[in-house]
Amino acid sequence: MVMNQNAAGYSLADFKFALRARWTSVVLVGSILLIGGSYLTVKKPVSYQVRSSLAFTEAQVEMPVFRSSTDVRPMTPSVRTQARAELMSGVLFLKVIDKYEVSKRWNLENRADTLKKMKRLVTVVYRSGDGTVEIIARDATPGGAAMLANAIADEFVDQKELEAQLEAEDRIRSLNLELESRRESVAEISQQLRESSDSNAELNEKLREDLVRQSHLIRSLEARHQLAVVENREARPIVSILNTAIADEASLVTGRWYLPAVLGLLGIALGVIMVGLFAVRSAPLQVATNLKNRLDLLLVGFAPVPSAPLAKLSRAADSIVEPYRFLRNSIQKLPAGDCSMISFLSADPDSELPSVISNLSVIIAEAGHTVLLIDGDLRNPQVYRQFDAANHPGLSDYLTGEMRLEETVVKTRKNNLWFMPSGPPREDPSGLFSGKRMQDLIYDMKSRFDYLLITSPSPLSYSEAGVVSGMVDHTIAVTSYKRHSGKTLKQLKQALESSGGILSGVALSQLLFTPEKAAAPESAPSNEVKMPRKPVAIEKPRQIQDEKPRRIESRT
């Protein structure tokens, strides 16, 4: 029986396995968009690209002076930077559009659409190496691209020449106005001198000084005026065409080469999203079905591991308890005698085997079945921490004959649940499990309990796991849901079969970090324990001398 365990916090792992199971769909969607992008790239109209260059003589231009509050040094903005902005301005483009009928050439209805397209097809680049500005134009034909680049360059040069000519004319006009004003001042001063009397010598002297100063200014302005006229006649523009665009030198421009790659990645992302939306819910069932079919297992269950073991909790969430109840119901359907003896082993380091087997034993005991949990890992015991019990005395003490059985079994806080720690490590665990005392233990405990659950290390690493698997009815491997490996589980099954055991099922664990309500303080488990009484009719090869109460539940 398999349940959907998403409520227990497996969503990220579910997404991983859903993606791994449906990676072909993701690749298919990505391939479709990749092919579509390639088709659009091929079908896109081919364009041609040409270049024209402009050279500047920056020294001939009088630049305005900008000042800051703390720095009074003149700061001249780059002529080329200004020129690049002017070349990309809509005003210049509209002049070219109207003058060369670009809208008609491109079969566009209005100037606005033509302007937008021109801004996409024209690029202006400043070359810092030689100080030139390059106009890059693209069009469907080499001639159209060359016409566009040269038209923009010519219009810009004509505009700059006109600006320079107007500036020179304005300078000459300003000097003429200044000369006329000074000459009028000289005439006024001369008139005042003629009208003044000889008695006012101080006033006359001042008027003569003003007359001399104004005469000097007039001569200076006349010289500047003559120089401005000469400069206007011989002036060269600050910009000139260095290289014109030639249609025969046009280079072919391919489509957007990155479009197929972008669409392919977009398709993969879309496929991943589709897997997340539609396939995550069925991922647990798919994982369980694959394991059962590939390994020929009787059961596959899920075992969420909360931050605190169920043995220490008075109440746990249904999302945690229900998976163990499903696992318990599946175990009850496994073929066995009056007592089901099941070994649990870890298939990977992240399996959380101690937590899984302790939680499962609690759930089985809550159903009214007497359970003995034996920690059979004599190399790295961990189960005793789940019950806050001591690890000594335990199984190894009994198998070596150092202690009686009653001294090694602990009655837990949960009804119907007993626990036998592993005891101190021994040199030859495999030899202890193969001995007569282990057989006596199994024979005696099977008559007292409904379920014997025993942990053991992996048979891929230690030999005692094979000995234990040969004694029990079934073996269940516990592995991490996120990191489980079908290959590792197959190797583990083969190792068990070679030692006479059977891998009957797999429990997929997942560590959770959810706050739970802790159990009320109780007395600690004690090794002074009374186990269920064995029926009188059953004989055993080794008698244990103790007084035991009758079992709580009769067998059916």
Protein backbone atom coordinates (compact mmCIF):
# COMPACT_ATOMS: atom_id res chain seq x y z
CA MET A 1 0.00 0.00 0.00
CA VAL A 2 1.40 3.41 -0.96
CA MET A 3 0.24 6.80 0.27
CA ASN A 4 0.91 10.28 -0.97
CA GLN A 5 3.23 11.76 1.65
CA ASN A 6 3.40 15.33 0.36
CA ALA A 7 1.76 16.57 3.57
CA ALA A 8 4.79 15.29 5.47
CA GLY A 9 7.09 17.77 3.75
CA TYR A 10 8.45 15.79 0.81
CA SER A 11 7.65 18.39 -1.86
CA LEU A 12 11.24 19.23 -2.87
CA ALA A 13 12.17 15.59 -3.21
CA ASP A 14 8.93 14.94 -5.11
CA PHE A 15 9.89 17.65 -7.58
CA LYS A 16 13.33 16.12 -8.03
CA PHE A 17 12.00 12.66 -8.84
CA ALA A 18 9.18 14.02 -11.00
CA LEU A 19 11.75 15.97 -12.99
CA ARG A 20 13.99 12.93 -13.29
CA ALA A 21 11.09 10.76 -14.43
CA ARG A 22 9.86 13.27 -17.01
CA TRP A 23 13.10 14.78 -18.25
CA THR A 24 12.21 13.68 -21.77
CA SER A 25 9.17 15.97 -21.72
CA VAL A 26 11.32 18.87 -20.57
CA VAL A 27 13.83 18.22 -23.35
CA LEU A 28 10.99 17.90 -25.87
CA VAL A 29 9.53 21.30 -24.99
CA GLY A 30 12.98 22.88 -25.07
CA SER A 31 13.75 21.27 -28.43
CA ILE A 32 10.49 22.51 -29.94
CA LEU A 33 11.24 26.10 -28.97
CA LEU A 34 14.86 25.69 -30.06
CA ILE A 35 13.77 24.53 -33.51
CA GLY A 36 11.21 27.34 -33.64
CA GLY A 37 13.87 29.92 -32.80
CA SER A 38 16.19 28.50 -35.47
CA TYR A 39 13.37 28.69 -38.02
CA LEU A 40 12.63 32.31 -37.13
CA THR A 41 16.31 33.16 -37.36
CA VAL A 42 16.63 31.60 -40.81
CA LYS A 43 13.41 33.12 -42.10
CA LYS A 44 14.21 36.60 -40.87
CA PRO A 45 15.03 38.99 -43.77
CA VAL A 46 18.77 39.27 -44.36
CA SER A 47 20.21 42.74 -43.83
CA TYR A 48 23.44 44.43 -44.94
CA GLN A 49 25.64 46.75 -42.91
CA VAL A 50 27.91 49.61 -43.99
CA ARG A 51 29.98 52.24 -42.19
CA SER A 52 30.86 55.88 -42.74
CA SER A 53 33.29 57.92 -40.62
CA LEU A 54 33.41 61.57 -39.55
CA ALA A 55 36.52 63.51 -38.48
CA PHE A 56 36.45 66.57 -36.18
CA THR A 57 38.73 69.60 -35.69
CA GLU A 58 37.92 70.45 -32.14
CA ALA A 59 40.34 73.40 -31.83
CA GLN A 60 38.42 75.56 -34.29
CA VAL A 61 35.27 75.59 -32.18
CA GLU A 62 34.69 78.10 -29.41
CA MET A 63 33.12 76.16 -26.57
CA PRO A 64 31.07 77.69 -23.75
CA VAL A 65 32.59 77.87 -20.30
CA PHE A 66 30.94 75.95 -17.46
CA ARG A 67 31.78 76.64 -13.84
CA SER A 68 31.07 74.92 -10.57
CA SER A 69 30.85 76.44 -7.13
CA THR A 70 34.41 75.40 -6.18
CA ASP A 71 36.24 75.08 -9.50
CA VAL A 72 36.60 78.08 -11.78
CA ARG A 73 38.68 76.34 -14.43
CA PRO A 74 36.99 76.14 -17.85
CA MET A 75 35.46 72.73 -18.61
CA THR A 76 34.78 72.03 -22.28
CA PRO A 77 32.43 69.16 -23.09
CA SER A 78 33.57 66.74 -25.78
CA VAL A 79 32.59 67.80 -29.27
CA ARG A 80 32.38 64.15 -30.33
CA THR A 81 30.03 63.32 -27.47
CA GLN A 82 27.75 66.16 -28.52
CA ALA A 83 28.04 65.10 -32.13
CA ARG A 84 27.00 61.53 -31.30
CA ALA A 85 23.89 62.82 -29.52
CA GLU A 86 23.05 65.06 -32.49
CA LEU A 87 23.58 62.24 -34.96
CA MET A 88 21.08 60.05 -33.07
CA SER A 89 18.56 62.86 -32.57
CA GLY A 90 15.13 62.64 -34.07
CA VAL A 91 15.50 66.08 -35.69
CA LEU A 92 18.36 64.96 -37.93
CA PHE A 93 16.63 61.67 -38.75
CA LEU A 94 13.43 63.46 -39.74
CA LYS A 95 15.38 65.71 -42.09
CA VAL A 96 16.89 62.65 -43.75
CA ILE A 97 13.48 60.96 -43.91
CA ASP A 98 11.88 63.95 -45.64
CA LYS A 99 14.78 64.74 -47.94
CA TYR A 100 15.43 61.20 -49.19
CA GLU A 101 11.83 59.86 -48.97
CA VAL A 102 12.84 57.04 -46.68
CA SER A 103 9.23 56.24 -45.74
CA LYS A 104 8.45 55.52 -49.36
CA ARG A 105 11.54 53.34 -49.75
CA TRP A 106 10.56 51.26 -46.73
CA ASN A 107 6.85 51.17 -47.60
CA LEU A 108 5.84 52.73 -44.30
CA GLU A 109 2.75 54.85 -43.85
CA ASN A 110 3.95 57.64 -41.55
CA ARG A 111 7.09 59.36 -40.35
CA ALA A 112 6.76 58.04 -36.79
CA ASP A 113 7.12 54.39 -37.87
CA THR A 114 9.98 55.34 -40.17
CA LEU A 115 11.74 57.15 -37.32
CA LYS A 116 11.40 54.13 -35.01
CA LYS A 117 12.81 51.80 -37.62
CA MET A 118 15.69 54.16 -38.42
CA LYS A 119 16.68 54.31 -34.74
CA ARG A 120 16.82 50.50 -34.74
CA LEU A 121 18.92 50.33 -37.90
CA VAL A 122 21.39 53.15 -37.23
CA THR A 123 24.15 53.08 -34.63
CA VAL A 124 26.71 55.80 -33.87
CA VAL A 125 30.01 54.75 -32.28
CA TYR A 126 32.82 56.96 -30.99
CA ARG A 127 36.26 55.51 -31.73
CA SER A 128 38.57 56.68 -28.97
CA GLY A 129 41.65 55.32 -30.77
CA ASP A 130 41.61 57.77 -33.70
CA GLY A 131 39.01 60.22 -32.37
CA THR A 132 36.49 59.61 -35.14
CA VAL A 133 32.76 59.04 -35.03
CA GLU A 134 31.44 56.08 -37.02
CA ILE A 135 27.92 55.80 -38.44
CA ILE A 136 26.77 52.18 -38.83
CA ALA A 137 23.63 51.66 -40.92
CA ARG A 138 21.74 48.48 -41.86
CA ASP A 139 19.17 47.86 -44.56
CA ALA A 140 17.72 45.05 -46.66
CA THR A 141 20.00 45.98 -49.59
CA PRO A 142 23.64 47.15 -49.70
CA GLY A 143 22.64 50.24 -51.67
CA GLY A 144 19.94 51.16 -49.18
CA ALA A 145 22.34 50.81 -46.24
CA ALA A 146 25.01 52.92 -47.99
CA MET A 147 22.43 55.58 -48.89
CA LEU A 148 21.22 55.76 -45.31
CA ALA A 149 24.71 56.08 -43.78
CA ASN A 150 25.89 58.67 -46.33
CA ALA A 151 22.65 60.64 -46.09
CA ILE A 152 22.98 60.98 -42.33
CA ALA A 153 26.66 61.94 -42.63
CA ASP A 154 25.99 64.50 -45.39
CA GLU A 155 23.07 66.03 -43.56
CA PHE A 156 25.12 66.32 -40.38
CA VAL A 157 28.08 67.94 -42.18
CA ASP A 158 25.76 70.37 -44.01
CA GLN A 159 24.13 71.22 -40.72
CA LYS A 160 27.48 71.92 -39.08
CA GLU A 161 28.66 74.03 -42.05
CA LEU A 162 25.46 76.05 -41.90
CA GLU A 163 25.87 76.50 -38.16
CA ALA A 164 29.48 77.65 -38.64
CA GLN A 165 28.48 80.09 -41.42
CA LEU A 166 25.64 81.54 -39.36
CA GLU A 167 27.94 81.88 -36.39
CA ALA A 168 30.52 83.78 -38.47
CA GLU A 169 27.86 86.04 -39.94
CA ASP A 170 26.51 86.72 -36.48
CA ARG A 171 30.03 87.62 -35.34
CA ILE A 172 30.51 90.05 -38.26
CA ARG A 173 27.09 91.54 -37.70
CA SER A 174 27.84 92.05 -34.00
CA LEU A 175 31.15 93.77 -34.85
CA ASN A 176 29.39 96.08 -37.35
CA LEU A 177 26.84 97.07 -34.73
CA GLU A 178 29.63 97.70 -32.24
CA LEU A 179 31.54 99.86 -34.78
CA GLU A 180 28.48 101.92 -35.53
CA SER A 181 27.88 102.47 -31.81
CA ARG A 182 31.50 103.56 -31.21
CA ARG A 183 31.48 105.90 -34.20
CA GLU A 184 28.34 107.55 -32.93
CA SER A 185 30.04 108.01 -29.56
CA VAL A 186 33.07 109.65 -31.27
CA ALA A 187 30.77 112.02 -33.16
CA GLU A 188 28.99 112.99 -29.94
CA ILE A 189 32.29 113.64 -28.14
CA SER A 190 33.58 115.77 -31.04
CA GLN A 191 30.36 117.79 -31.01
CA GLN A 192 30.71 118.38 -27.28
CA LEU A 193 34.31 119.58 -27.73
CA ARG A 194 33.26 122.08 -30.37
CA GLU A 195 30.44 123.44 -28.27
CA SER A 196 32.36 123.66 -24.98
CA SER A 197 34.11 126.93 -23.94
CA ASP A 198 37.80 127.25 -23.33
CA SER A 199 37.15 128.17 -19.69
CA ASN A 200 36.13 124.62 -18.76
CA ALA A 201 39.55 123.07 -19.26
CA GLU A 202 38.96 120.06 -16.99
CA LEU A 203 35.85 118.96 -18.94
CA ASN A 204 37.59 119.44 -22.24
CA GLU A 205 40.51 117.32 -21.10
CA LYS A 206 38.20 114.50 -20.10
CA LEU A 207 36.33 114.65 -23.42
CA ARG A 208 39.64 114.49 -25.31
CA GLU A 209 40.64 111.37 -23.34
CA ASP A 210 37.31 109.68 -24.11
CA LEU A 211 37.74 110.63 -27.77
CA VAL A 212 41.19 109.02 -27.90
CA ARG A 213 39.95 105.85 -26.14
CA GLN A 214 36.95 105.49 -28.44
CA SER A 215 39.20 106.00 -31.48
CA HIS A 216 41.48 103.20 -30.30
CA LEU A 217 38.50 100.91 -29.78
CA ILE A 218 37.20 101.70 -33.24
CA ARG A 219 40.57 100.80 -34.80
CA SER A 220 40.62 97.54 -32.79
CA LEU A 221 37.05 96.65 -33.81
CA GLU A 222 37.84 97.42 -37.45
CA ALA A 223 40.80 95.04 -37.29
CA ARG A 224 38.66 92.33 -35.69
CA HIS A 225 35.97 92.93 -38.29
CA GLN A 226 38.44 92.52 -41.14
CA LEU A 227 39.80 89.35 -39.51
CA ALA A 228 36.27 87.95 -39.08
CA VAL A 229 35.53 88.60 -42.73
CA VAL A 230 38.72 86.82 -43.80
CA GLU A 231 38.01 83.88 -41.46
CA ASN A 232 34.49 83.64 -42.79
CA ARG A 233 35.82 83.36 -46.34
CA GLU A 234 38.56 80.85 -45.49
CA ALA A 235 36.91 79.03 -42.58
CA ARG A 236 36.70 75.22 -42.66
CA PRO A 237 33.90 73.29 -40.89
CA ILE A 238 34.71 71.52 -37.62
CA VAL A 239 33.53 68.18 -39.08
CA SER A 240 34.23 66.46 -42.36
CA ILE A 241 33.50 63.09 -43.92
CA LEU A 242 36.53 60.87 -43.52
CA ASN A 243 35.15 57.74 -45.18
CA THR A 244 31.94 57.38 -47.13
CA ALA A 245 29.87 54.21 -47.08
CA ILE A 246 30.28 52.01 -50.18
CA ALA A 247 27.61 49.51 -51.13
CA ASP A 248 30.16 47.01 -52.49
CA GLU A 249 31.83 46.88 -49.07
CA ALA A 250 28.61 46.04 -47.20
CA SER A 251 28.79 43.09 -44.84
CA LEU A 252 26.03 40.54 -44.38
CA VAL A 253 24.27 40.68 -41.01
CA THR A 254 22.75 37.43 -39.80
CA GLY A 255 19.60 37.20 -37.70
CA ARG A 256 19.61 37.16 -33.94
CA TRP A 257 21.97 34.19 -33.43
CA TYR A 258 21.11 34.06 -29.74
CA LEU A 259 17.37 33.67 -30.39
CA PRO A 260 17.42 29.84 -30.71
CA ALA A 261 19.48 29.48 -27.53
CA VAL A 262 17.20 31.83 -25.59
CA LEU A 263 14.08 30.06 -26.79
CA GLY A 264 15.62 26.67 -26.01
CA LEU A 265 16.39 27.69 -22.44
CA LEU A 266 12.92 29.18 -22.18
CA GLY A 267 11.45 25.87 -23.32
CA ILE A 268 13.43 23.93 -20.72
CA ALA A 269 12.25 26.34 -18.02
CA LEU A 270 8.68 25.96 -19.26
CA GLY A 271 9.01 22.18 -19.14
CA VAL A 272 10.33 22.32 -15.57
CA ILE A 273 7.38 24.51 -14.56
CA MET A 274 4.94 22.10 -16.19
CA VAL A 275 6.50 19.21 -14.28
CA GLY A 276 6.18 21.19 -11.07
CA LEU A 277 2.52 21.96 -11.74
CA PHE A 278 1.26 18.62 -13.03
CA ALA A 279 3.68 15.85 -12.08
CA VAL A 280 4.72 16.53 -8.47
CA ARG A 281 1.55 15.07 -6.96
CA SER A 282 2.10 11.71 -8.63
CA ALA A 283 5.83 11.56 -7.85
CA PRO A 284 5.53 9.49 -4.61
CA LEU A 285 3.35 6.91 -6.29
CA GLN A 286 5.73 6.79 -9.24
CA VAL A 287 8.78 6.33 -6.98
CA ALA A 288 7.09 3.56 -4.98
CA THR A 289 5.86 1.80 -8.12
CA ASN A 290 9.30 1.89 -9.72
CA LEU A 291 10.97 0.41 -6.64
CA LYS A 292 8.41 -2.35 -6.28
CA ASN A 293 8.61 -3.32 -9.94
CA ARG A 294 12.38 -3.11 -10.27
CA LEU A 295 13.21 -4.92 -7.02
CA ASP A 296 10.12 -7.19 -6.80
CA LEU A 297 9.26 -5.95 -3.29
CA LEU A 298 6.17 -6.70 -1.20
CA LEU A 299 5.89 -3.21 0.26
CA VAL A 300 7.22 0.30 -0.11
CA GLY A 301 6.26 2.82 2.56
CA PHE A 302 7.14 6.33 3.66
CA ALA A 303 8.55 7.23 7.04
CA PRO A 304 8.75 10.97 7.88
CA VAL A 305 11.15 11.63 10.74
CA PRO A 306 10.14 14.53 13.04
CA SER A 307 12.62 16.48 15.13
CA ALA A 308 11.58 14.54 18.25
CA PRO A 309 10.86 10.77 18.26
CA LEU A 310 7.28 9.61 18.77
CA ALA A 311 8.38 7.80 21.94
CA LYS A 312 8.91 11.22 23.56
CA LEU A 313 5.75 12.90 22.22
CA SER A 314 2.31 12.82 23.72
CA ARG A 315 0.76 13.81 20.41
CA ALA A 316 2.03 14.14 16.84
CA ALA A 317 0.54 15.56 13.67
CA ASP A 318 -1.47 13.24 11.44
CA SER A 319 0.86 14.01 8.53
CA ILE A 320 3.62 12.27 10.50
CA VAL A 321 1.67 9.45 12.14
CA GLU A 322 -0.41 8.32 9.16
CA PRO A 323 2.55 7.22 6.99
CA TYR A 324 3.68 4.93 9.84
CA ARG A 325 0.17 3.53 10.14
CA PHE A 326 0.18 2.73 6.43
CA LEU A 327 3.57 1.08 6.91
CA ARG A 328 2.27 -0.88 9.92
CA ASN A 329 -0.76 -2.11 7.97
CA SER A 330 1.47 -3.24 5.13
CA ILE A 331 3.78 -5.11 7.55
CA GLN A 332 0.80 -6.91 9.09
CA LYS A 333 -0.04 -8.32 5.66
CA LEU A 334 3.39 -9.90 5.25
CA PRO A 335 3.35 -13.68 5.65
CA ALA A 336 4.58 -14.71 9.13
CA GLY A 337 3.74 -16.96 12.08
CA ASP A 338 2.35 -16.05 15.48
CA CYS A 339 5.23 -13.62 15.93
CA SER A 340 6.55 -11.48 13.12
CA MET A 341 10.30 -11.04 13.36
CA ILE A 342 11.52 -8.29 11.05
CA SER A 343 15.00 -6.86 10.68
CA PHE A 344 15.61 -3.27 9.61
CA LEU A 345 18.86 -2.20 8.02
CA SER A 346 20.19 1.08 6.70
CA ALA A 347 20.82 1.44 2.97
CA ASP A 348 22.60 4.80 3.21
CA PRO A 349 24.08 7.09 5.90
CA ASP A 350 21.10 9.50 5.70
CA SER A 351 18.43 6.86 6.28
CA GLU A 352 17.62 7.88 9.90
CA LEU A 353 17.13 4.19 10.73
CA PRO A 354 17.05 4.60 14.57
CA SER A 355 14.24 7.17 14.34
CA VAL A 356 12.26 5.19 11.77
CA ILE A 357 12.30 1.89 13.66
CA SER A 358 11.56 3.50 17.03
CA ASN A 359 8.61 5.46 15.57
CA LEU A 360 7.28 2.37 13.83
CA SER A 361 7.52 0.31 17.02
CA VAL A 362 5.49 2.96 18.86
CA ILE A 363 2.78 2.90 16.18
CA ILE A 364 2.60 -0.92 16.24
CA ALA A 365 2.42 -0.95 20.05
CA GLU A 366 -0.38 1.63 20.03
CA ALA A 367 -2.45 -0.85 18.01
CA GLY A 368 -2.39 -3.25 21.00
CA HIS A 369 0.44 -5.53 19.83
CA THR A 370 3.32 -6.38 22.14
CA VAL A 371 6.58 -5.29 20.55
CA LEU A 372 10.22 -5.91 21.44
CA LEU A 373 12.68 -3.61 19.70
CA ILE A 374 16.24 -4.96 19.64
CA ASP A 375 19.17 -2.79 18.66
CA GLY A 376 21.28 -5.31 16.78
CA ASP A 377 23.89 -2.81 15.60
CA LEU A 378 26.77 -3.70 17.94
CA ARG A 379 29.18 -1.43 16.06
CA ASN A 380 27.37 1.92 16.06
CA PRO A 381 24.34 1.76 18.40
CA GLN A 382 21.94 4.69 18.14
CA VAL A 383 18.43 3.46 19.03
CA TYR A 384 18.82 3.88 22.81
CA ARG A 385 18.84 7.67 22.36
CA GLN A 386 15.28 7.50 21.01
CA PHE A 387 14.06 6.27 24.42
CA ASP A 388 16.46 8.19 26.70
CA ALA A 389 17.75 4.81 27.89
CA ALA A 390 21.24 3.56 28.68
CA ASN A 391 23.02 1.42 26.11
CA HIS A 392 24.40 -0.95 28.78
CA PRO A 393 23.46 -3.60 29.70
CA GLY A 394 22.08 -4.92 26.44
CA LEU A 395 22.14 -7.57 23.74
CA SER A 396 25.89 -8.12 23.71
CA ASP A 397 25.87 -8.68 27.51
CA TYR A 398 23.27 -11.41 27.13
CA LEU A 399 24.94 -13.07 24.13
CA THR A 400 28.24 -13.29 25.99
CA GLY A 401 26.50 -14.77 29.04
CA GLU A 402 27.42 -11.90 31.33
CA MET A 403 23.81 -11.00 32.22
CA ARG A 404 20.41 -12.56 32.35
CA LEU A 405 17.74 -11.72 29.79
CA GLU A 406 15.57 -9.79 32.26
CA GLU A 407 18.47 -7.45 33.03
CA THR A 408 18.93 -6.43 29.42
CA VAL A 409 15.32 -5.57 28.44
CA VAL A 410 13.89 -2.10 29.13
CA LYS A 411 10.19 -1.30 29.50
CA THR A 412 9.55 1.98 27.65
CA ARG A 413 7.06 4.69 28.53
CA LYS A 414 4.73 3.45 25.80
CA ASN A 415 2.36 0.60 26.57
CA ASN A 416 3.17 -2.78 24.98
CA LEU A 417 6.65 -1.64 23.93
CA TRP A 418 9.92 -3.09 25.28
CA PHE A 419 13.44 -2.25 24.18
CA MET A 420 16.74 -4.17 24.28
CA PRO A 421 19.81 -1.96 23.79
CA SER A 422 22.80 -3.25 21.88
CA GLY A 423 25.15 -3.25 24.86
CA PRO A 424 28.87 -2.50 24.68
CA PRO A 425 30.71 -3.22 21.40
CA ARG A 426 32.27 -6.64 20.92
CA GLU A 427 35.09 -7.85 18.71
CA ASP A 428 33.12 -10.46 16.73
CA PRO A 429 29.45 -9.46 16.37
CA SER A 430 28.92 -12.00 13.59
CA GLY A 431 30.08 -14.83 15.85
CA LEU A 432 27.73 -13.71 18.64
CA PHE A 433 24.72 -13.66 16.32
CA SER A 434 25.59 -17.15 15.05
CA GLY A 435 25.81 -18.60 18.57
CA LYS A 436 23.35 -20.72 20.56
CA ARG A 437 22.29 -17.91 22.89
CA MET A 438 21.00 -15.86 19.95
CA GLN A 439 18.83 -18.78 18.86
CA ASP A 440 17.55 -19.17 22.42
CA LEU A 441 16.77 -15.46 22.56
CA ILE A 442 14.75 -15.57 19.37
CA TYR A 443 12.90 -18.72 20.41
CA ASP A 444 11.98 -17.26 23.79
CA MET A 445 11.03 -13.78 22.59
CA LYS A 446 8.87 -15.08 19.75
CA SER A 447 6.75 -16.80 22.37
CA ARG A 448 6.34 -13.63 24.41
CA PHE A 449 5.79 -10.89 21.81
CA ASP A 450 3.72 -10.29 18.71
CA TYR A 451 6.49 -8.44 16.92
CA LEU A 452 10.29 -8.62 17.17
CA LEU A 453 11.95 -5.68 15.43
CA ILE A 454 15.73 -5.76 15.19
CA THR A 455 18.21 -3.36 13.60
CA SER A 456 21.36 -4.44 11.84
CA PRO A 457 24.08 -2.76 9.77
CA SER A 458 24.19 -2.98 6.00
CA PRO A 459 25.15 -6.39 4.56
CA LEU A 460 27.31 -4.52 2.05
CA SER A 461 29.61 -3.52 4.89
CA TYR A 462 29.35 -6.10 7.72
CA SER A 463 28.82 -9.85 7.80
CA GLU A 464 26.48 -10.01 10.82
CA ALA A 465 23.70 -8.42 8.77
CA GLY A 466 23.54 -11.55 6.64
CA VAL A 467 23.33 -13.75 9.77
CA VAL A 468 20.42 -11.70 11.17
CA SER A 469 18.57 -11.64 7.83
CA GLY A 470 18.70 -15.42 7.73
CA MET A 471 16.96 -15.68 11.13
CA VAL A 472 14.06 -13.27 10.58
CA ASP A 473 10.88 -13.54 8.55
CA HIS A 474 11.41 -10.39 6.55
CA THR A 475 14.00 -7.66 6.05
CA ILE A 476 13.12 -4.03 5.35
CA ALA A 477 15.69 -1.55 4.09
CA VAL A 478 15.44 2.05 5.28
CA THR A 479 16.79 4.65 2.88
CA SER A 480 16.55 8.40 2.40
CA TYR A 481 13.73 9.45 0.09
CA LYS A 482 15.81 12.29 -1.34
CA ARG A 483 19.00 10.28 -1.92
CA HIS A 484 17.86 6.71 -2.40
CA SER A 485 19.56 4.75 -5.13
CA GLY A 486 17.92 1.90 -6.99
CA LYS A 487 21.36 0.50 -7.81
CA THR A 488 22.38 0.39 -4.14
CA LEU A 489 19.10 -1.26 -3.13
CA LYS A 490 19.56 -3.89 -5.83
CA GLN A 491 23.06 -4.68 -4.56
CA LEU A 492 21.72 -4.88 -1.02
CA LYS A 493 18.99 -7.30 -2.10
CA GLN A 494 21.52 -9.53 -3.84
CA ALA A 495 23.74 -9.53 -0.73
CA LEU A 496 20.79 -10.55 1.47
CA GLU A 497 19.75 -13.34 -0.88
CA SER A 498 23.29 -14.72 -0.93
CA SER A 499 23.16 -15.03 2.87
CA GLY A 500 19.72 -16.63 2.95
CA GLY A 501 17.68 -13.50 3.68
CA ILE A 502 14.89 -11.79 1.77
CA LEU A 503 14.47 -8.08 1.12
CA SER A 504 10.71 -7.72 1.52
CA GLY A 505 10.30 -3.97 1.48
CA VAL A 506 11.75 -0.49 1.56
CA ALA A 507 10.89 2.41 3.87
CA LEU A 508 11.65 5.86 2.43
CA SER A 509 12.60 8.26 5.20
CA GLN A 510 12.61 12.04 5.19
CA LEU A 511 13.98 14.18 8.01
CA LEU A 512 11.57 16.92 9.09
CA PHE A 513 11.99 19.91 11.35
CA THR A 514 8.53 20.53 12.72
CA PRO A 515 7.79 21.58 16.30
CA GLU A 516 5.80 18.96 18.17
CA LYS A 517 4.19 18.89 21.58
CA ALA A 518 6.47 17.05 23.99
CA ALA A 519 5.24 14.37 26.30
CA ALA A 520 4.66 15.11 29.96
CA PRO A 521 7.61 14.19 32.24
CA GLU A 522 7.50 10.57 33.26
CA SER A 523 9.74 8.27 35.12
CA ALA A 524 12.76 7.10 33.16
CA PRO A 525 12.77 3.57 31.72
CA SER A 526 14.13 0.98 34.05
CA ASN A 527 15.91 -2.32 33.51
CA GLU A 528 13.89 -3.86 36.36
CA VAL A 529 11.25 -5.12 33.96
CA LYS A 530 8.67 -7.85 33.68
CA MET A 531 8.15 -9.17 30.18
CA PRO A 532 5.02 -10.91 28.87
CA ARG A 533 4.70 -14.53 30.14
CA LYS A 534 5.41 -17.35 27.76
CA PRO A 535 2.58 -19.90 27.33
CA VAL A 536 3.18 -23.03 29.41
CA ALA A 537 2.63 -25.45 26.53
CA ILE A 538 5.68 -24.18 24.65
CA GLU A 539 9.05 -25.54 25.60
CA LYS A 540 12.31 -23.77 25.02
CA PRO A 541 15.87 -25.04 24.83
CA ARG A 542 17.12 -22.68 27.52
CA GLN A 543 15.04 -21.84 30.63
CA ILE A 544 15.00 -18.29 31.97
CA GLN A 545 14.33 -18.23 35.71
CA ASP A 546 12.03 -15.29 36.39
CA GLU A 547 8.47 -14.44 37.25
CA LYS A 548 6.60 -12.98 34.29
CA PRO A 549 3.01 -11.71 34.07
CA ARG A 550 0.66 -13.25 31.53
CA ARG A 551 0.57 -11.63 28.10
CA ILE A 552 -1.90 -8.83 27.61
CA GLU A 553 -3.30 -10.02 24.34
CA SER A 554 -4.09 -13.54 23.18
CA ARG A 555 -3.03 -14.69 19.75
CA THR A 556 -5.53 -15.50 17.07
